[in-house]
Amino acid sequence: MITGPVNEETLAGLDAQQLDDALEAARQRVTETRELEARYIQEVRLVHERLLHRQLEQALAEGGAVGALHWWAQGQRTHDDRNHARTAMRRWVHGALASRAQVWLYDHCPHRYDVAEKGLVVEAFNIAWRVSPDPNDELLALATSLNYLGDALRAAERTGQELPQLRIQVCPPRAGMYFDDHVPDPCLTLRLTPSGWDLTTDAGAPITIATGGADCQPLLAQARTIAQAAQHR
């Protein structure tokens, strides 16, 4: 049986049965190689994902929410980098905001070369909030989290740091889950401003509906009412 590399010389003089055995052995080596490759690819994915998550953890430890957005705005190198960075940021958003809120992060992580070489600015960090159909749903926890983020970002911007603008895309509630739920259809935008928050329409040229101070809870309540009404249109 041929156990080493196969070439014209090793196959010369073999009869049909020996060639059949050699073919089967070669196919087995292909199967084993593919299984080994699949295992290594999985190992690379796990280590790669952990690396990006660790980078975000370090950014949070060193700079809190401001550090996280700085890390995001710097961009990532490859398609896999951007996917893992987006996953890491999504987990952070879920942990940082109220656990009862249905929140999707749907930004496309910026490409590092676009940021560094083309001079592009990451203008916004968007969080999509799917409003609950329950009119009595508690907003205090969500407002507290957003106020904390807002205060941190405003303080950083007052020192001259350039950060993506924090925007909360307000989406009407849905009765059930859909395949495209990761692509929200917002009706309003809650936007962080230097002195507080404002609530605007989302489609076309934004129209300001209301403005508020550092506490966004009143605007969240107003946005929830409008979004719940939009569900029935």
Protein backbone atom coordinates (compact mmCIF):
# COMPACT_ATOMS: atom_id res chain seq x y z
CA MET A 1 0.00 0.00 0.00
CA ILE A 2 1.21 3.48 -0.84
CA THR A 3 1.52 5.52 2.35
CA GLY A 4 3.63 8.45 1.17
CA PRO A 5 3.18 11.13 -1.47
CA VAL A 6 1.69 9.92 -4.75
CA ASN A 7 3.32 10.75 -8.08
CA GLU A 8 3.76 9.18 -11.48
CA GLU A 9 6.75 7.11 -10.34
CA THR A 10 5.00 5.58 -7.34
CA LEU A 11 2.00 4.65 -9.44
CA ALA A 12 4.00 3.10 -12.27
CA GLY A 13 3.58 -0.65 -12.48
CA LEU A 14 0.65 -0.95 -10.09
CA ASP A 15 -2.19 -3.20 -11.09
CA ALA A 16 -5.87 -2.22 -10.98
CA GLN A 17 -6.45 -3.45 -7.41
CA GLN A 18 -3.39 -1.62 -6.13
CA LEU A 19 -4.48 1.57 -7.89
CA ASP A 20 -7.96 1.20 -6.38
CA ASP A 21 -6.38 0.85 -2.92
CA ALA A 22 -4.20 3.89 -3.59
CA LEU A 23 -7.24 5.90 -4.64
CA GLU A 24 -9.10 4.98 -1.47
CA ALA A 25 -6.08 5.89 0.66
CA ALA A 26 -5.75 9.24 -1.11
CA ARG A 27 -9.43 9.99 -0.54
CA GLN A 28 -9.04 9.12 3.13
CA ARG A 29 -6.13 11.54 3.43
CA VAL A 30 -8.29 14.26 1.86
CA THR A 31 -11.05 13.60 4.40
CA GLU A 32 -8.61 13.68 7.30
CA THR A 33 -7.02 16.89 6.00
CA ARG A 34 -10.39 18.60 5.65
CA GLU A 35 -11.38 17.57 9.18
CA LEU A 36 -8.08 18.90 10.50
CA GLU A 37 -8.51 22.13 8.55
CA ALA A 38 -12.04 22.58 9.90
CA ARG A 39 -10.75 22.15 13.44
CA TYR A 40 -7.97 24.67 12.92
CA ILE A 41 -10.39 27.16 11.34
CA GLN A 42 -12.64 26.83 14.38
CA GLU A 43 -9.65 27.39 16.68
CA VAL A 44 -8.68 30.51 14.72
CA ARG A 45 -12.24 31.83 14.93
CA LEU A 46 -12.44 31.28 18.69
CA VAL A 47 -9.07 32.90 19.39
CA HIS A 48 -9.80 35.74 16.97
CA GLU A 49 -13.16 36.45 18.57
CA ARG A 50 -11.67 36.34 22.06
CA LEU A 51 -8.93 38.79 20.97
CA LEU A 52 -11.46 41.38 19.78
CA HIS A 53 -13.56 40.95 22.91
CA ARG A 54 -10.46 41.33 25.07
CA GLN A 55 -9.54 44.52 23.23
CA LEU A 56 -12.98 45.94 23.98
CA GLU A 57 -12.71 44.86 27.61
CA GLN A 58 -9.39 46.69 27.89
CA ALA A 59 -10.87 49.78 26.25
CA LEU A 60 -13.76 49.71 28.73
CA ALA A 61 -11.42 49.18 31.68
CA GLU A 62 -9.22 52.10 30.63
CA GLY A 63 -11.86 54.55 29.44
CA GLY A 64 -15.35 53.26 30.16
CA ALA A 65 -17.99 54.03 27.54
CA VAL A 66 -15.72 56.67 26.02
CA GLY A 67 -12.95 54.10 25.63
CA ALA A 68 -15.35 51.66 23.98
CA LEU A 69 -16.46 54.21 21.40
CA HIS A 70 -12.86 55.27 20.76
CA TRP A 71 -12.02 51.63 20.06
CA TRP A 72 -15.02 51.27 17.75
CA ALA A 73 -14.26 54.47 15.85
CA GLN A 74 -10.67 53.40 15.14
CA GLY A 75 -12.00 50.74 12.80
CA GLN A 76 -10.94 47.14 12.25
CA ARG A 77 -8.67 45.52 9.70
CA THR A 78 -10.55 42.67 8.08
CA HIS A 79 -14.08 41.45 7.48
CA ASP A 80 -13.73 38.94 10.33
CA ASP A 81 -12.36 41.68 12.61
CA ARG A 82 -15.40 43.82 11.93
CA ASN A 83 -17.80 40.93 12.54
CA HIS A 84 -16.19 40.06 15.87
CA ALA A 85 -16.01 43.72 16.89
CA ARG A 86 -19.70 44.15 16.13
CA THR A 87 -20.51 41.06 18.22
CA ALA A 88 -18.40 42.37 21.10
CA MET A 89 -20.09 45.78 20.99
CA ARG A 90 -23.53 44.18 20.82
CA ARG A 91 -22.80 42.21 23.98
CA TRP A 92 -21.58 45.34 25.69
CA VAL A 93 -24.74 47.21 24.70
CA HIS A 94 -26.93 44.39 26.02
CA GLY A 95 -25.01 44.44 29.29
CA ALA A 96 -24.83 48.23 29.61
CA LEU A 97 -28.51 48.88 28.94
CA ALA A 98 -31.59 47.64 30.74
CA SER A 99 -31.89 43.89 30.35
CA ARG A 100 -35.61 44.16 29.59
CA ALA A 101 -35.07 46.46 26.64
CA GLN A 102 -34.87 44.80 23.25
CA VAL A 103 -31.76 46.32 21.82
CA TRP A 104 -29.96 45.67 18.56
CA LEU A 105 -26.68 47.21 17.54
CA TYR A 106 -26.70 47.38 13.76
CA ASP A 107 -23.78 49.60 12.87
CA HIS A 108 -21.34 48.30 10.32
CA CYS A 109 -18.02 48.41 12.07
CA PRO A 110 -15.80 50.91 10.23
CA HIS A 111 -12.87 49.68 8.17
CA ARG A 112 -9.58 50.81 9.68
CA TYR A 113 -8.14 51.74 6.29
CA ASP A 114 -11.15 53.92 5.53
CA VAL A 115 -10.72 55.70 8.85
CA ALA A 116 -6.93 56.11 8.71
CA GLU A 117 -6.12 56.43 5.01
CA LYS A 118 -9.24 58.04 3.59
CA GLY A 119 -9.78 60.30 6.58
CA LEU A 120 -13.38 59.18 7.01
CA VAL A 121 -15.11 60.02 10.27
CA VAL A 122 -17.33 57.53 12.06
CA GLU A 123 -20.25 59.88 12.53
CA ALA A 124 -22.64 57.88 14.68
CA PHE A 125 -22.98 54.95 17.00
CA ASN A 126 -26.53 53.69 16.53
CA ILE A 127 -28.49 51.54 18.93
CA ALA A 128 -31.87 50.25 17.83
CA TRP A 129 -34.48 50.05 20.58
CA ARG A 130 -37.51 47.88 19.85
CA VAL A 131 -40.25 49.40 21.99
CA SER A 132 -42.22 46.98 24.12
CA PRO A 133 -45.94 46.60 23.31
CA ASP A 134 -46.63 46.79 27.06
CA PRO A 135 -47.77 50.38 27.80
CA ASN A 136 -46.68 49.92 31.43
CA ASP A 137 -43.15 48.79 30.59
CA GLU A 138 -40.67 50.41 32.97
CA LEU A 139 -38.32 52.94 31.35
CA LEU A 140 -36.31 53.95 34.40
CA ALA A 141 -33.54 51.38 33.99
CA LEU A 142 -33.11 52.15 30.29
CA ALA A 143 -33.11 55.90 30.92
CA THR A 144 -30.57 55.51 33.73
CA SER A 145 -28.20 53.61 31.45
CA LEU A 146 -28.56 56.06 28.58
CA ASN A 147 -28.11 59.02 30.90
CA TYR A 148 -24.89 57.47 32.20
CA LEU A 149 -23.60 56.97 28.67
CA GLY A 150 -24.67 60.47 27.68
CA ASP A 151 -22.94 62.11 30.63
CA ALA A 152 -19.70 60.26 29.89
CA LEU A 153 -19.73 61.18 26.21
CA ARG A 154 -20.55 64.84 26.84
CA ALA A 155 -17.71 65.11 29.36
CA ALA A 156 -15.28 63.62 26.84
CA GLU A 157 -16.45 65.91 24.06
CA ARG A 158 -15.97 68.96 26.29
CA THR A 159 -12.29 68.02 26.51
CA GLY A 160 -12.00 68.05 22.72
CA GLN A 161 -12.28 64.32 22.10
CA GLU A 162 -14.01 63.41 18.84
CA LEU A 163 -16.46 60.56 19.28
CA PRO A 164 -19.28 59.07 17.21
CA GLN A 165 -22.63 60.62 18.00
CA LEU A 166 -24.82 58.42 20.17
CA ARG A 167 -28.22 57.87 18.55
CA ILE A 168 -31.05 55.65 19.75
CA GLN A 169 -33.22 54.45 16.86
CA VAL A 170 -36.74 54.00 18.22
CA CYS A 171 -38.58 51.12 16.51
CA PRO A 172 -42.28 50.24 16.83
CA PRO A 173 -43.07 47.02 18.71
CA ARG A 174 -43.79 43.79 16.87
CA ALA A 175 -46.20 41.05 17.80
CA GLY A 176 -43.77 38.30 16.76
CA MET A 177 -40.19 37.72 15.72
CA TYR A 178 -39.20 38.02 12.08
CA PHE A 179 -36.16 36.95 10.10
CA ASP A 180 -35.28 40.59 9.47
CA ASP A 181 -35.52 41.72 13.08
CA HIS A 182 -31.79 42.46 13.02
CA VAL A 183 -32.57 45.23 10.52
CA PRO A 184 -34.76 47.65 12.47
CA ASP A 185 -37.29 49.99 10.91
CA PRO A 186 -37.05 53.06 13.18
CA CYS A 187 -39.69 55.76 13.32
CA LEU A 188 -37.87 58.16 15.68
CA THR A 189 -34.34 58.97 16.77
CA LEU A 190 -33.28 59.97 20.27
CA ARG A 191 -30.08 61.93 19.77
CA LEU A 192 -27.48 63.01 22.29
CA THR A 193 -26.79 66.77 22.23
CA PRO A 194 -24.17 68.88 24.05
CA SER A 195 -26.72 69.92 26.68
CA GLY A 196 -29.16 67.00 26.74
CA TRP A 197 -31.19 64.97 24.27
CA ASP A 198 -33.56 65.64 21.42
CA LEU A 199 -36.20 63.49 19.77
CA THR A 200 -36.54 63.72 15.99
CA THR A 201 -38.28 61.98 13.13
CA ASP A 202 -36.14 59.36 11.43
CA ALA A 203 -37.18 59.45 7.77
CA GLY A 204 -36.02 62.17 5.38
CA ALA A 205 -34.84 65.48 6.80
CA PRO A 206 -35.12 65.10 10.59
CA ILE A 207 -37.79 67.20 12.28
CA THR A 208 -37.31 67.88 15.98
CA ILE A 209 -40.31 66.74 17.99
CA ALA A 210 -39.06 67.56 21.47
CA THR A 211 -35.92 68.47 23.37
CA GLY A 212 -34.88 67.71 26.92
CA GLY A 213 -32.11 68.00 29.47
CA ALA A 214 -29.62 65.43 30.71
CA ASP A 215 -32.41 63.06 31.84
CA CYS A 216 -33.78 61.35 28.74
CA GLN A 217 -36.62 59.51 30.50
CA PRO A 218 -39.38 62.01 29.52
CA LEU A 219 -38.31 61.79 25.87
CA LEU A 220 -38.15 57.99 26.07
CA ALA A 221 -41.71 57.95 27.38
CA GLN A 222 -42.85 60.23 24.56
CA ALA A 223 -40.99 58.13 22.00
CA ARG A 224 -42.56 54.96 23.36
CA THR A 225 -46.05 56.40 23.02
CA ILE A 226 -45.45 57.46 19.43
CA ALA A 227 -43.84 54.13 18.52
CA GLN A 228 -46.67 52.11 20.04
CA ALA A 229 -49.16 54.18 18.04
CA ALA A 230 -47.11 53.62 14.89
CA GLN A 231 -47.47 49.85 15.34
CA HIS A 232 -51.16 50.05 14.43
CA ARG A 233 -50.83 52.12 11.27
